[in-house]
């Protein structure tokens, strides 16, 4: 019967553990007893094995992985240069110079480095040996181009960060689209989506577009931020940050301006190749995963029954989103909707404005020159602007969702202007009322004709002794995003001009009591709606007598 033996590696490990204990420690015998019980032998056998000079023999040679032709440091330097040559000659498809050609380049011509010109003796390096050491020392292409570990983040509160993206629907297009542009065929049915970073709640809509359309994106964002018609989907509010890719929508000035007015920070990921080896322009799981879920669980049913219009497709999609948001959270023991409600900010959600107010933010700039008749014509539609802007090059702010026009010139904005009729008939034309600029020009011209210079003043120049000190400008803090001054009058004079235009009479012809009431109203507020309501109520008895 063969006697039981303890493996050599167990004896070596036991010696290591015993060396860590004091010579007279009671724990030493405990370790020996555990080994004896484990292998079914006596304690004397364990002590006898410890006294024997057992040595762990290596299964490899002593000079394993040690180059014998050249020193290790020199070969490692050659491997570094060959790896650098492969990286330098790589293209986007992954093609690069081979090891054999890199060795030939070093042998025949050499290469210039920061440490000088490096050449390799002919026949010193073999491709097989170099490839083996490139792989062993981590100089191969896969190891060098390996991406650093990804860092995953999660918002602390709901609506702190929304992920926004769009993807073509597998349905491609509906049978009866809402609109068709002549000559371009049916619009592509695109799936717009936002996903809350904290809870994973998703909201999606179908829109028929030709490419990544900014107008459709703004309509979708308004619907996502507004209260939903279904009480089972409480998802709403203005987010703090919008995370998206670097597509045409993110680069649109109109989209950026609207988000700026709403107080939303638009943040895009870095373009591909802008952060070293890390791939930045890649799919983000939090917004891409709902796309895949919708296409696999919902759009596959379109093979059985296909929606006719976008409205019908969106109604079906809304029912599926209720099911999707009721599913468990990725890490919490409740649903996505419950997580969104439970982690709302302490100050509450930021309420979305009305659609009429949202339309005033969505305006596209265009630089144009105003005609001599103070009109601007675009696609047959004429707009009559301020007379002072006749012949000036201005910036037109076209509304994406309305027909109002605002004009910006020298950091001042005018409007809104609505479309006007055609040319004025002959013998019924009217002249523009002289503006303040024209009156000022007439006054300066009259003053210029009266100026004269004494003869002894010719050729005499007086230099200023002291420079004028710079005026300190007053800065008014930003309160409301009212870029086109639609809510309040800019000054009291502008308010009085609007009141005179409403009454169709100069204010100088009013009674002292009426003028006092107007001044008291303007001292209390400059809000357009409040001022015009008070003026309308006060002058209502006079409307029939005018």
Protein backbone atom coordinates (compact mmCIF):
# COMPACT_ATOMS: atom_id res chain seq x y z
CA UNK A 1 0.00 0.00 0.00
CA UNK A 2 1.63 3.28 -1.05
CA UNK A 3 2.12 5.78 1.71
CA UNK A 4 0.36 9.10 1.60
CA UNK A 5 2.49 12.10 0.59
CA UNK A 6 1.93 15.82 0.84
CA UNK A 7 2.28 17.81 -2.41
CA UNK A 8 5.42 19.91 -2.57
CA UNK A 9 3.47 23.12 -3.20
CA UNK A 10 1.46 22.49 0.01
CA UNK A 11 4.72 22.05 1.99
CA UNK A 12 6.12 25.28 0.50
CA UNK A 13 2.94 27.19 1.35
CA UNK A 14 2.96 25.77 4.91
CA UNK A 15 6.59 26.87 5.37
CA UNK A 16 5.70 30.35 4.21
CA UNK A 17 2.81 30.59 6.66
CA UNK A 18 4.95 29.24 9.54
CA UNK A 19 7.72 31.75 8.83
CA UNK A 20 5.23 34.55 9.41
CA UNK A 21 4.51 33.33 12.99
CA UNK A 22 6.74 33.63 16.11
CA UNK A 23 8.85 30.51 16.95
CA UNK A 24 6.82 29.67 20.08
CA UNK A 25 3.39 30.60 18.81
CA UNK A 26 0.55 28.16 19.47
CA UNK A 27 -0.84 28.86 16.01
CA UNK A 28 2.04 26.93 14.43
CA UNK A 29 0.73 23.60 15.72
CA UNK A 30 -2.79 24.50 14.64
CA UNK A 31 -1.58 24.90 11.06
CA UNK A 32 0.24 21.57 11.21
CA UNK A 33 -2.86 19.83 12.56
CA UNK A 34 -5.00 21.29 9.77
CA UNK A 35 -2.61 20.01 7.08
CA UNK A 36 -2.44 16.56 8.74
CA UNK A 37 -6.23 16.33 8.90
CA UNK A 38 -6.60 17.56 5.33
CA UNK A 39 -4.34 14.88 3.83
CA UNK A 40 -5.16 12.11 6.36
CA UNK A 41 -1.67 11.75 7.85
CA UNK A 42 -0.13 12.18 11.28
CA UNK A 43 1.50 15.30 12.64
CA UNK A 44 4.90 13.56 12.73
CA UNK A 45 4.66 12.97 8.99
CA UNK A 46 4.01 16.69 8.47
CA UNK A 47 6.99 17.67 10.66
CA UNK A 48 9.15 15.11 8.84
CA UNK A 49 8.17 16.62 5.47
CA UNK A 50 9.01 20.08 6.76
CA UNK A 51 12.52 18.95 7.77
CA UNK A 52 13.26 17.47 4.32
CA UNK A 53 14.97 19.88 1.90
CA UNK A 54 12.23 19.87 -0.72
CA UNK A 55 12.78 22.28 -3.63
CA UNK A 56 10.17 23.33 -6.18
CA UNK A 57 11.54 22.61 -9.60
CA UNK A 58 10.57 24.77 -12.55
CA UNK A 59 9.15 23.13 -15.66
CA UNK A 60 10.94 25.70 -17.85
CA UNK A 61 14.54 26.45 -18.59
CA UNK A 62 16.40 29.04 -16.61
CA UNK A 63 16.99 31.18 -19.69
CA UNK A 64 13.34 31.04 -20.77
CA UNK A 65 12.16 34.26 -22.52
CA UNK A 66 15.69 35.68 -22.38
CA UNK A 67 17.07 36.55 -25.83
CA UNK A 68 20.43 34.93 -26.53
CA UNK A 69 21.52 36.75 -29.68
CA UNK A 70 21.27 40.34 -28.38
CA UNK A 71 20.68 41.86 -24.95
CA UNK A 72 17.09 42.10 -23.72
CA UNK A 73 17.11 45.90 -23.45
CA UNK A 74 18.33 46.25 -27.04
CA UNK A 75 15.73 43.84 -28.40
CA UNK A 76 13.00 45.64 -26.45
CA UNK A 77 14.10 48.92 -28.02
CA UNK A 78 13.85 47.39 -31.50
CA UNK A 79 10.39 46.06 -30.66
CA UNK A 80 9.28 49.53 -29.53
CA UNK A 81 10.44 51.05 -32.82
CA UNK A 82 8.74 48.33 -34.90
CA UNK A 83 5.49 48.79 -32.93
CA UNK A 84 5.70 52.55 -33.46
CA UNK A 85 6.21 52.01 -37.21
CA UNK A 86 3.06 49.88 -37.34
CA UNK A 87 1.03 52.51 -35.47
CA UNK A 88 2.36 55.34 -37.65
CA UNK A 89 1.55 53.53 -40.91
CA UNK A 90 -1.97 52.46 -39.87
CA UNK A 91 -5.06 53.70 -41.66
CA UNK A 92 -8.72 53.73 -40.65
CA UNK A 93 -9.26 50.25 -42.04
CA UNK A 94 -6.56 48.77 -39.80
CA UNK A 95 -3.98 48.17 -42.53
CA UNK A 96 -0.36 48.81 -41.55
CA UNK A 97 3.20 47.84 -42.38
CA UNK A 98 3.98 44.20 -41.60
CA UNK A 99 6.74 43.01 -39.27
CA UNK A 100 8.82 41.70 -42.20
CA UNK A 101 8.64 45.04 -44.03
CA UNK A 102 9.37 46.99 -40.84
CA UNK A 103 12.51 44.88 -40.27
CA UNK A 104 13.55 45.39 -43.91
CA UNK A 105 13.07 49.15 -43.49
CA UNK A 106 15.31 49.17 -40.41
CA UNK A 107 17.97 47.05 -42.11
CA UNK A 108 18.16 48.90 -45.42
CA UNK A 109 17.42 52.55 -44.66
CA UNK A 110 16.99 52.85 -40.90
CA UNK A 111 14.68 55.35 -39.25
CA UNK A 112 15.16 58.65 -37.42
CA UNK A 113 14.06 58.77 -33.79
CA UNK A 114 14.39 61.24 -30.94
CA UNK A 115 17.55 59.43 -29.86
CA UNK A 116 19.12 59.52 -33.33
CA UNK A 117 19.20 57.36 -36.45
CA UNK A 118 18.55 53.68 -35.73
CA UNK A 119 19.60 50.84 -38.05
CA UNK A 120 19.57 47.07 -37.52
CA UNK A 121 22.27 44.69 -38.78
CA UNK A 122 21.08 42.51 -41.61
CA UNK A 123 19.85 39.10 -40.43
CA UNK A 124 19.82 40.00 -36.72
CA UNK A 125 16.04 40.12 -36.31
CA UNK A 126 13.64 37.40 -37.36
CA UNK A 127 9.96 38.06 -37.93
CA UNK A 128 8.88 35.08 -35.80
CA UNK A 129 11.04 36.15 -32.86
CA UNK A 130 9.93 39.77 -33.09
CA UNK A 131 6.23 38.85 -33.29
CA UNK A 132 6.58 36.59 -30.24
CA UNK A 133 8.22 39.29 -28.14
CA UNK A 134 5.77 41.95 -29.40
CA UNK A 135 2.95 39.79 -28.09
CA UNK A 136 4.74 38.90 -24.83
CA UNK A 137 5.80 42.45 -23.91
CA UNK A 138 2.51 44.08 -24.92
CA UNK A 139 3.68 45.87 -28.07
CA UNK A 140 1.19 44.19 -30.42
CA UNK A 141 -1.50 46.27 -32.12
CA UNK A 142 -4.44 44.86 -30.14
CA UNK A 143 -2.79 45.68 -26.81
CA UNK A 144 -1.60 49.15 -27.82
CA UNK A 145 -4.96 50.19 -29.28
CA UNK A 146 -7.00 48.73 -26.46
CA UNK A 147 -9.50 51.28 -25.16
CA UNK A 148 -9.32 52.51 -21.58
CA UNK A 149 -12.14 51.38 -19.29
CA UNK A 150 -15.45 53.19 -19.69
CA UNK A 151 -16.82 55.35 -16.88
CA UNK A 152 -20.56 55.04 -16.33
CA UNK A 153 -22.47 57.86 -14.69
CA UNK A 154 -25.97 58.31 -13.29
CA UNK A 155 -27.77 61.51 -12.36
CA UNK A 156 -28.77 62.04 -8.76
CA UNK A 157 -32.22 63.48 -9.50
CA UNK A 158 -34.81 63.09 -12.22
CA UNK A 159 -34.74 65.61 -15.09
CA UNK A 160 -31.11 66.42 -14.31
CA UNK A 161 -30.00 64.92 -17.62
CA UNK A 162 -31.92 63.72 -20.68
CA UNK A 163 -30.41 61.68 -23.48
CA UNK A 164 -31.72 62.73 -26.90
CA UNK A 165 -31.34 60.81 -30.15
CA UNK A 166 -33.29 59.75 -33.22
CA UNK A 167 -33.31 56.58 -35.30
CA UNK A 168 -35.00 55.53 -38.57
CA UNK A 169 -38.04 53.39 -37.97
CA UNK A 170 -38.17 49.89 -39.43
CA UNK A 171 -41.55 50.86 -40.91
CA UNK A 172 -39.69 53.36 -43.18
CA UNK A 173 -42.83 55.41 -43.96
CA UNK A 174 -46.60 55.43 -43.46
CA UNK A 175 -49.13 55.12 -46.23
CA UNK A 176 -50.70 58.56 -45.63
CA UNK A 177 -47.94 60.95 -44.43
CA UNK A 178 -48.88 64.29 -42.92
CA UNK A 179 -46.98 66.21 -45.61
CA UNK A 180 -44.98 65.48 -48.77
CA UNK A 181 -42.42 67.75 -50.37
CA UNK A 182 -42.85 67.69 -54.16
CA UNK A 183 -40.13 65.82 -55.98
CA UNK A 184 -38.65 64.09 -52.92
CA UNK A 185 -40.98 61.17 -52.42
CA UNK A 186 -42.39 59.98 -49.12
CA UNK A 187 -40.64 61.37 -46.02
CA UNK A 188 -38.72 58.91 -43.88
CA UNK A 189 -40.47 57.90 -40.68
CA UNK A 190 -38.02 58.82 -37.91
CA UNK A 191 -38.26 57.80 -34.27
CA UNK A 192 -37.37 60.65 -31.87
CA UNK A 193 -36.56 59.70 -28.28
CA UNK A 194 -35.50 61.21 -24.95
CA UNK A 195 -34.54 59.09 -21.95
CA UNK A 196 -34.14 60.33 -18.39
CA UNK A 197 -30.66 59.44 -17.15
CA UNK A 198 -31.68 58.68 -13.55
CA UNK A 199 -34.83 56.63 -13.98
CA UNK A 200 -34.60 55.40 -17.57
CA UNK A 201 -38.11 56.69 -18.40
CA UNK A 202 -38.41 57.06 -22.18
CA UNK A 203 -40.64 59.24 -24.33
CA UNK A 204 -40.74 58.73 -28.10
CA UNK A 205 -42.64 60.02 -31.12
CA UNK A 206 -42.80 59.34 -34.85
CA UNK A 207 -42.10 62.20 -37.27
CA UNK A 208 -41.94 62.04 -41.05
CA UNK A 209 -38.87 64.05 -42.09
CA UNK A 210 -36.28 64.34 -44.83
CA UNK A 211 -33.11 63.86 -42.79
CA UNK A 212 -32.49 65.25 -39.30
CA UNK A 213 -34.99 68.09 -39.29
CA UNK A 214 -34.59 70.82 -36.63
CA UNK A 215 -38.25 71.87 -36.75
CA UNK A 216 -39.41 68.33 -36.01
CA UNK A 217 -36.85 68.08 -33.20
CA UNK A 218 -38.21 71.26 -31.59
CA UNK A 219 -41.79 70.02 -31.87
CA UNK A 220 -40.76 66.77 -30.23
CA UNK A 221 -38.87 68.52 -27.43
CA UNK A 222 -41.93 70.68 -26.68
CA UNK A 223 -44.11 67.56 -26.50
CA UNK A 224 -41.57 65.79 -24.28
CA UNK A 225 -41.36 68.71 -21.83
CA UNK A 226 -45.11 69.39 -21.74
CA UNK A 227 -47.67 67.44 -19.66
CA UNK A 228 -48.93 64.33 -21.44
CA UNK A 229 -52.54 63.59 -22.27
CA UNK A 230 -52.33 60.22 -20.52
CA UNK A 231 -52.34 60.44 -16.69
CA UNK A 232 -50.36 57.19 -16.53
CA UNK A 233 -47.30 58.96 -17.99
CA UNK A 234 -46.33 61.82 -15.61
CA UNK A 235 -43.03 62.42 -17.42
CA UNK A 236 -42.67 66.18 -18.10
CA UNK A 237 -40.65 69.29 -17.20
CA UNK A 238 -37.60 71.14 -18.53
CA UNK A 239 -34.37 69.21 -17.94
CA UNK A 240 -31.17 70.73 -16.65
CA UNK A 241 -28.98 69.18 -19.37
CA UNK A 242 -29.55 67.58 -22.77
CA UNK A 243 -26.93 65.01 -23.85
CA UNK A 244 -26.83 64.26 -27.59
CA UNK A 245 -24.52 63.55 -30.50
CA UNK A 246 -22.82 66.03 -32.84
CA UNK A 247 -25.44 65.81 -35.58
CA UNK A 248 -27.09 68.62 -37.56
CA UNK A 249 -29.62 69.24 -34.78
CA UNK A 250 -26.96 69.90 -32.14
CA UNK A 251 -25.09 72.23 -34.54
CA UNK A 252 -28.24 74.19 -35.41
CA UNK A 253 -28.17 77.76 -34.11
CA UNK A 254 -31.97 77.78 -33.78
CA UNK A 255 -31.97 74.65 -31.61
CA UNK A 256 -29.18 76.02 -29.41
CA UNK A 257 -30.95 79.37 -28.99
CA UNK A 258 -34.25 77.75 -28.00
CA UNK A 259 -32.52 75.52 -25.44
CA UNK A 260 -30.65 78.56 -24.13
CA UNK A 261 -33.90 80.49 -23.64
CA UNK A 262 -35.37 77.50 -21.78
CA UNK A 263 -32.29 77.21 -19.55
CA UNK A 264 -31.20 73.80 -20.91
CA UNK A 265 -27.50 73.04 -21.23
CA UNK A 266 -26.81 71.22 -24.51
CA UNK A 267 -23.81 68.93 -24.11
CA UNK A 268 -22.46 66.71 -26.89
CA UNK A 269 -19.89 63.96 -26.71
CA UNK A 270 -16.47 64.42 -28.29
CA UNK A 271 -16.18 63.58 -32.00
CA UNK A 272 -14.50 60.33 -32.95
CA UNK A 273 -10.72 60.50 -32.73
CA UNK A 274 -10.63 63.54 -30.42
CA UNK A 275 -9.68 61.73 -27.19
CA UNK A 276 -6.74 59.49 -28.03
CA UNK A 277 -7.49 55.77 -28.16
CA UNK A 278 -10.90 56.12 -26.52
CA UNK A 279 -13.77 55.84 -28.98
CA UNK A 280 -16.02 58.77 -28.15
CA UNK A 281 -18.59 58.85 -30.97
CA UNK A 282 -20.23 55.55 -30.15
CA UNK A 283 -23.74 54.46 -29.23
CA UNK A 284 -24.89 55.30 -25.72
CA UNK A 285 -26.83 52.46 -24.14
CA UNK A 286 -29.31 54.55 -22.17
CA UNK A 287 -30.86 56.03 -25.31
CA UNK A 288 -30.06 53.26 -27.79
CA UNK A 289 -31.58 50.43 -25.77
CA UNK A 290 -35.18 51.81 -25.93
CA UNK A 291 -34.83 52.02 -29.72
CA UNK A 292 -33.99 48.32 -29.91
CA UNK A 293 -36.80 47.42 -27.50
CA UNK A 294 -39.38 49.35 -29.53
CA UNK A 295 -38.22 47.87 -32.83
CA UNK A 296 -38.16 44.29 -31.52
CA UNK A 297 -41.27 44.27 -29.30
CA UNK A 298 -43.52 46.88 -30.93
CA UNK A 299 -42.64 47.54 -34.58
CA UNK A 300 -42.49 43.85 -35.41
CA UNK A 301 -46.27 43.79 -34.91
CA UNK A 302 -46.64 46.17 -37.86
CA UNK A 303 -46.27 43.14 -40.12
CA UNK A 304 -49.70 42.05 -38.84
CA UNK A 305 -51.36 45.46 -38.88
CA UNK A 306 -49.68 48.57 -40.24
CA UNK A 307 -50.67 52.11 -39.12
CA UNK A 308 -52.09 54.38 -41.78
CA UNK A 309 -50.97 57.81 -40.45
CA UNK A 310 -48.38 59.26 -38.09
CA UNK A 311 -51.10 60.09 -35.54
CA UNK A 312 -52.21 56.48 -35.44
CA UNK A 313 -48.63 55.24 -35.13
CA UNK A 314 -47.96 57.67 -32.26
CA UNK A 315 -51.14 56.55 -30.47
CA UNK A 316 -50.00 52.92 -30.63
CA UNK A 317 -46.50 53.90 -29.57
CA UNK A 318 -47.85 55.76 -26.54
CA UNK A 319 -49.57 52.62 -25.30
CA UNK A 320 -46.34 50.67 -25.63
CA UNK A 321 -44.38 53.38 -23.76
CA UNK A 322 -46.75 53.02 -20.82
CA UNK A 323 -45.84 49.33 -20.73
CA UNK A 324 -42.12 50.05 -21.17
CA UNK A 325 -41.94 52.64 -18.38
CA UNK A 326 -43.81 50.32 -16.00
CA UNK A 327 -41.02 47.71 -16.28
CA UNK A 328 -38.44 47.32 -13.47
CA UNK A 329 -35.60 49.81 -13.10
CA UNK A 330 -32.12 48.66 -14.12
CA UNK A 331 -30.91 48.59 -10.49
CA UNK A 332 -33.75 49.67 -8.16
CA UNK A 333 -36.55 47.40 -6.88
CA UNK A 334 -39.33 49.40 -8.55
CA UNK A 335 -40.44 50.52 -12.00
CA UNK A 336 -38.95 53.30 -14.11
CA UNK A 337 -41.95 55.60 -13.62
CA UNK A 338 -41.87 55.11 -9.85
CA UNK A 339 -38.14 55.87 -9.80
CA UNK A 340 -38.72 59.09 -11.79
CA UNK A 341 -41.38 60.27 -9.32
CA UNK A 342 -39.39 59.23 -6.24
CA UNK A 343 -36.23 61.11 -7.30
CA UNK A 344 -37.68 64.43 -8.43
CA UNK A 345 -35.71 67.51 -7.28
CA UNK A 346 -36.71 69.07 -3.98
CA UNK A 347 -37.66 72.31 -5.75
CA UNK A 348 -39.91 70.38 -8.15
CA UNK A 349 -39.92 70.16 -11.92
CA UNK A 350 -39.48 73.20 -14.14
CA UNK A 351 -42.80 73.79 -15.86
CA UNK A 352 -42.85 74.12 -19.63
CA UNK A 353 -44.22 77.28 -21.25
CA UNK A 354 -47.19 77.44 -23.61
CA UNK A 355 -46.94 76.63 -27.31
CA UNK A 356 -47.45 80.28 -28.30
CA UNK A 357 -44.55 81.33 -26.10
CA UNK A 358 -42.40 78.48 -27.39
CA UNK A 359 -43.01 79.62 -30.97
CA UNK A 360 -41.48 83.02 -30.22
CA UNK A 361 -38.20 81.33 -29.23
CA UNK A 362 -37.91 79.20 -32.38
CA UNK A 363 -36.60 81.70 -34.90
CA UNK A 364 -34.02 81.29 -37.65
CA UNK A 365 -31.63 84.19 -38.44
CA UNK A 366 -30.99 85.40 -41.99
CA UNK A 367 -28.97 88.40 -43.15
CA UNK A 368 -30.84 90.49 -45.76
CA UNK A 369 -30.93 94.02 -47.12
CA UNK A 370 -34.14 96.01 -46.68
CA UNK A 371 -35.52 97.70 -49.80
CA UNK A 372 -35.89 101.43 -50.20
CA UNK A 373 -39.63 101.02 -49.51
CA UNK A 374 -38.84 99.53 -46.07
CA UNK A 375 -40.05 96.12 -47.23
CA UNK A 376 -38.56 92.64 -47.32
CA UNK A 377 -39.98 90.07 -49.71
CA UNK A 378 -39.40 86.35 -49.31
CA UNK A 379 -41.03 83.80 -51.62
CA UNK A 380 -43.66 86.33 -52.66
CA UNK A 381 -44.58 87.34 -49.09
CA UNK A 382 -43.83 90.99 -48.26
CA UNK A 383 -43.12 92.36 -44.80
CA UNK A 384 -43.04 96.07 -44.05
CA UNK A 385 -40.50 96.96 -41.35
CA UNK A 386 -39.46 100.17 -39.61
CA UNK A 387 -38.86 103.12 -42.01
CA UNK A 388 -35.46 103.74 -40.38
CA UNK A 389 -34.27 100.38 -41.70
CA UNK A 390 -34.83 101.24 -45.39
CA UNK A 391 -31.67 100.36 -47.32
CA UNK A 392 -29.94 98.82 -44.27
CA UNK A 393 -28.46 95.33 -44.02
CA UNK A 394 -30.26 93.66 -41.13
CA UNK A 395 -30.70 90.23 -39.56
CA UNK A 396 -34.18 88.78 -40.06
CA UNK A 397 -35.51 86.38 -37.44
CA UNK A 398 -38.02 84.11 -39.16
CA UNK A 399 -40.45 82.14 -37.00
CA UNK A 400 -40.43 78.39 -37.64
CA UNK A 401 -43.96 77.94 -36.33
CA UNK A 402 -45.61 81.36 -37.01
CA UNK A 403 -45.63 84.10 -39.69
CA UNK A 404 -44.24 86.88 -37.50
CA UNK A 405 -40.94 88.54 -38.35
CA UNK A 406 -38.43 90.28 -36.09
CA UNK A 407 -35.61 92.45 -37.37
CA UNK A 408 -32.28 93.05 -35.64
CA UNK A 409 -30.01 95.96 -36.51
CA UNK A 410 -27.07 97.25 -34.48
CA UNK A 411 -27.97 95.28 -31.34
CA UNK A 412 -31.57 96.51 -31.46
CA UNK A 413 -34.58 94.42 -32.37
CA UNK A 414 -37.78 95.57 -34.04
CA UNK A 415 -41.10 93.83 -34.45
CA UNK A 416 -43.14 91.81 -34.67
CA UNK A 417 -44.03 92.46 -38.32
CA UNK A 418 -46.80 90.64 -40.15
CA UNK A 419 -47.21 90.12 -43.91
CA UNK A 420 -48.63 93.12 -45.76
CA UNK A 421 -50.74 93.42 -48.89
CA UNK A 422 -49.48 94.16 -52.39
CA UNK A 423 -48.42 97.52 -53.82
CA UNK A 424 -50.45 100.61 -52.95
CA UNK A 425 -52.78 101.65 -55.83
CA UNK A 426 -52.01 104.79 -57.80
CA UNK A 427 -53.43 108.08 -56.41
CA UNK A 428 -53.92 106.34 -53.06
CA UNK A 429 -50.31 106.17 -52.00
CA UNK A 430 -49.25 107.56 -48.67
CA UNK A 431 -45.92 108.75 -47.36
CA UNK A 432 -44.28 107.40 -44.25
CA UNK A 433 -44.45 109.52 -41.16
CA UNK A 434 -41.10 111.07 -40.38
CA UNK A 435 -39.21 109.00 -37.90
CA UNK A 436 -37.02 110.24 -35.09
CA UNK A 437 -33.92 109.57 -37.18
CA UNK A 438 -35.26 111.62 -40.08
CA UNK A 439 -36.25 114.47 -37.80
CA UNK A 440 -32.80 114.43 -36.24
CA UNK A 441 -31.20 114.48 -39.71
CA UNK A 442 -33.38 117.46 -40.76
CA UNK A 443 -32.42 119.33 -37.59
CA UNK A 444 -28.73 118.68 -38.13
CA UNK A 445 -28.96 119.77 -41.78
CA UNK A 446 -30.68 123.01 -40.76
CA UNK A 447 -28.02 123.59 -38.13
CA UNK A 448 -25.27 122.87 -40.66
CA UNK A 449 -26.58 125.63 -42.96
CA UNK A 450 -26.38 128.13 -40.08
CA UNK A 451 -22.83 127.34 -39.05
CA UNK A 452 -19.98 129.73 -39.85
CA UNK A 453 -16.32 130.01 -38.79
CA UNK A 454 -14.45 133.20 -37.89
CA UNK A 455 -11.53 133.97 -40.22
CA UNK A 456 -8.94 133.98 -37.41
CA UNK A 457 -9.91 130.43 -36.40
CA UNK A 458 -8.63 128.88 -39.62
CA UNK A 459 -5.40 126.97 -39.07
CA UNK A 460 -5.68 127.06 -35.28
CA UNK A 461 -5.93 123.75 -33.45
CA UNK A 462 -6.59 123.22 -29.74
CA UNK A 463 -5.61 119.87 -28.29
CA UNK A 464 -7.48 118.46 -25.34
CA UNK A 465 -5.42 118.48 -22.17
CA UNK A 466 -7.25 115.74 -20.40
CA UNK A 467 -8.79 112.58 -21.75
CA UNK A 468 -12.40 111.94 -21.04
CA UNK A 469 -12.93 109.28 -18.46
CA UNK A 470 -14.74 106.16 -19.53
CA UNK A 471 -18.32 105.87 -18.43
CA UNK A 472 -19.21 102.93 -16.23
CA UNK A 473 -22.08 101.06 -17.81
CA UNK A 474 -24.94 99.76 -15.73
CA UNK A 475 -25.73 96.12 -16.16
CA UNK A 476 -29.28 94.88 -15.76
CA UNK A 477 -29.54 91.27 -14.57
CA UNK A 478 -31.28 88.75 -16.80
CA UNK A 479 -34.79 88.01 -15.55
CA UNK A 480 -36.98 86.66 -18.34
CA UNK A 481 -35.94 85.30 -21.77
CA UNK A 482 -37.82 87.96 -23.75
CA UNK A 483 -35.47 88.45 -26.74
CA UNK A 484 -38.04 90.21 -28.91
CA UNK A 485 -39.70 92.41 -26.22
CA UNK A 486 -43.15 90.96 -26.56
CA UNK A 487 -44.15 91.01 -22.89
CA UNK A 488 -43.12 94.50 -21.73
CA UNK A 489 -42.46 97.86 -23.33
CA UNK A 490 -38.77 98.77 -23.37
CA UNK A 491 -39.38 102.39 -22.22
CA UNK A 492 -42.19 104.66 -21.10
CA UNK A 493 -41.95 106.58 -24.39
CA UNK A 494 -42.48 103.38 -26.38
CA UNK A 495 -45.53 102.62 -24.23
CA UNK A 496 -46.97 106.09 -24.84
CA UNK A 497 -46.43 105.68 -28.59
CA UNK A 498 -48.34 102.39 -28.49
CA UNK A 499 -51.17 104.06 -26.49
CA UNK A 500 -51.35 106.94 -28.98
CA UNK A 501 -51.47 104.45 -31.86
CA UNK A 502 -54.27 102.53 -30.09
CA UNK A 503 -56.30 105.74 -29.41
CA UNK A 504 -55.58 107.07 -32.95
CA UNK A 505 -54.89 110.54 -31.55
CA UNK A 506 -51.89 112.37 -30.10
CA UNK A 507 -51.62 112.31 -26.33
CA UNK A 508 -51.27 116.10 -26.32
CA UNK A 509 -54.97 116.37 -27.25
CA UNK A 510 -56.09 114.45 -24.18
CA UNK A 511 -57.36 116.07 -21.03
CA UNK A 512 -55.05 116.52 -18.01
CA UNK A 513 -56.96 113.82 -16.13
CA UNK A 514 -56.52 111.34 -18.92
CA UNK A 515 -52.80 112.10 -19.20
CA UNK A 516 -52.42 111.74 -15.43
CA UNK A 517 -54.12 108.32 -15.55
CA UNK A 518 -51.79 107.20 -18.34
CA UNK A 519 -48.71 108.36 -16.41
CA UNK A 520 -49.88 106.61 -13.24
CA UNK A 521 -50.50 103.40 -15.17
CA UNK A 522 -47.05 103.46 -16.77
CA UNK A 523 -45.39 104.21 -13.43
CA UNK A 524 -46.91 101.07 -11.96
CA UNK A 525 -46.14 98.63 -14.79
CA UNK A 526 -44.87 98.37 -18.39
CA UNK A 527 -46.47 95.00 -19.11
CA UNK A 528 -48.12 95.23 -22.51
CA UNK A 529 -51.19 93.20 -21.65
CA UNK A 530 -51.85 94.96 -18.32
CA UNK A 531 -51.30 98.46 -19.76
CA UNK A 532 -53.57 97.94 -22.76
CA UNK A 533 -56.32 96.41 -20.59
CA UNK A 534 -56.30 99.44 -18.26
CA UNK A 535 -56.27 101.89 -21.16
CA UNK A 536 -59.10 99.99 -22.89
CA UNK A 537 -61.23 99.97 -19.73
CA UNK A 538 -60.59 103.67 -19.04
CA UNK A 539 -61.24 104.94 -22.57
CA UNK A 540 -64.08 102.56 -23.36
CA UNK A 541 -66.80 105.30 -23.06
CA UNK A 542 -64.85 107.46 -25.51
CA UNK A 543 -64.66 104.86 -28.25
CA UNK A 544 -68.06 105.69 -29.64
CA UNK A 545 -67.39 109.46 -29.61
CA UNK A 546 -64.07 109.34 -31.43
